[in-house]
């Protein structure tokens, strides 16, 4: 029997919680002097909160 539900149908069922998902990338120097990056997905309520974000190692 074939599936009748597609991926887009699943997305339509999912209710939004009003939050925006963003990916924050922070660059820093390691102990040996090379550049390292820390990546993290964060959910925020509005774009105004982007500058207030603080992610740490």
C-alpha atoms as a PDB file:
ATOM      1  CA  UNK A   1       0.000   0.000   0.000  1.00  0.00           C
ATOM      2  CA  UNK A   2       1.416   3.409  -0.976  1.00  0.00           C
ATOM      3  CA  UNK A   3       1.973   6.280   1.421  1.00  0.00           C
ATOM      4  CA  UNK A   4      -0.503   9.078   0.964  1.00  0.00           C
ATOM      5  CA  UNK A   5       1.240  11.529   3.283  1.00  0.00           C
ATOM      6  CA  UNK A   6       4.084  13.548   1.773  1.00  0.00           C
ATOM      7  CA  UNK A   7       6.795  15.559   3.470  1.00  0.00           C
ATOM      8  CA  UNK A   8       4.987  18.822   2.744  1.00  0.00           C
ATOM      9  CA  UNK A   9       1.853  17.420   4.365  1.00  0.00           C
ATOM     10  CA  UNK A  10       3.834  16.743   7.534  1.00  0.00           C
ATOM     11  CA  UNK A  11       5.125  20.320   7.572  1.00  0.00           C
ATOM     12  CA  UNK A  12       1.611  21.702   7.244  1.00  0.00           C
ATOM     13  CA  UNK A  13       0.498  19.759  10.327  1.00  0.00           C
ATOM     14  CA  UNK A  14       3.326  21.076  12.486  1.00  0.00           C
ATOM     15  CA  UNK A  15       2.157  24.124  14.415  1.00  0.00           C
ATOM     16  CA  UNK A  16       4.548  27.058  14.690  1.00  0.00           C
ATOM     17  CA  UNK A  17       5.507  28.165  18.165  1.00  0.00           C
ATOM     18  CA  UNK A  18       6.161  31.740  17.046  1.00  0.00           C
ATOM     19  CA  UNK A  19       9.934  31.432  17.408  1.00  0.00           C
ATOM     20  CA  UNK A  20      12.554  32.019  14.727  1.00  0.00           C
ATOM     21  CA  UNK A  21      15.397  29.507  14.402  1.00  0.00           C
ATOM     22  CA  UNK A  22      18.789  30.982  13.572  1.00  0.00           C
ATOM     23  CA  UNK A  23      22.308  29.603  13.371  1.00  0.00           C
ATOM     24  CA  UNK A  24      24.874  31.554  15.380  1.00  0.00           C
ATOM     25  CA  UNK A  25      28.541  31.205  14.388  1.00  0.00           C
ATOM     26  CA  UNK A  26      31.189  32.597  16.721  1.00  0.00           C
ATOM     27  CA  UNK A  27      34.873  32.698  15.777  1.00  0.00           C
ATOM     28  CA  UNK A  28      37.622  32.575  18.382  1.00  0.00           C
ATOM     29  CA  UNK A  29      41.374  31.930  18.636  1.00  0.00           C
ATOM     30  CA  UNK A  30      42.496  28.581  20.027  1.00  0.00           C
ATOM     31  CA  UNK A  31      45.443  28.118  22.368  1.00  0.00           C
ATOM     32  CA  UNK A  32      47.774  27.332  19.470  1.00  0.00           C
ATOM     33  CA  UNK A  33      46.731  30.456  17.550  1.00  0.00           C
ATOM     34  CA  UNK A  34      44.425  28.987  14.922  1.00  0.00           C
ATOM     35  CA  UNK A  35      40.906  30.243  14.338  1.00  0.00           C
ATOM     36  CA  UNK A  36      38.101  27.974  15.554  1.00  0.00           C
ATOM     37  CA  UNK A  37      34.367  28.351  15.110  1.00  0.00           C
ATOM     38  CA  UNK A  38      31.512  27.504  17.452  1.00  0.00           C
ATOM     39  CA  UNK A  39      28.132  26.910  15.782  1.00  0.00           C
ATOM     40  CA  UNK A  40      24.820  26.713  17.584  1.00  0.00           C
ATOM     41  CA  UNK A  41      21.147  26.798  16.593  1.00  0.00           C
ATOM     42  CA  UNK A  42      19.110  29.196  18.717  1.00  0.00           C
ATOM     43  CA  UNK A  43      15.398  30.020  18.781  1.00  0.00           C
ATOM     44  CA  UNK A  44      14.444  33.644  19.365  1.00  0.00           C
ATOM     45  CA  UNK A  45      11.154  35.518  19.427  1.00  0.00           C
ATOM     46  CA  UNK A  46      12.129  38.430  17.173  1.00  0.00           C
ATOM     47  CA  UNK A  47      15.039  39.684  15.094  1.00  0.00           C
ATOM     48  CA  UNK A  48      15.688  42.431  17.666  1.00  0.00           C
ATOM     49  CA  UNK A  49      17.149  39.849  20.037  1.00  0.00           C
ATOM     50  CA  UNK A  50      19.980  38.815  17.692  1.00  0.00           C
ATOM     51  CA  UNK A  51      22.442  41.381  19.036  1.00  0.00           C
ATOM     52  CA  UNK A  52      21.731  40.331  22.648  1.00  0.00           C
ATOM     53  CA  UNK A  53      22.673  36.670  22.068  1.00  0.00           C
ATOM     54  CA  UNK A  54      25.681  35.292  23.917  1.00  0.00           C
ATOM     55  CA  UNK A  55      27.028  31.840  23.162  1.00  0.00           C
ATOM     56  CA  UNK A  56      30.183  30.585  24.768  1.00  0.00           C
ATOM     57  CA  UNK A  57      32.460  27.601  24.365  1.00  0.00           C
END
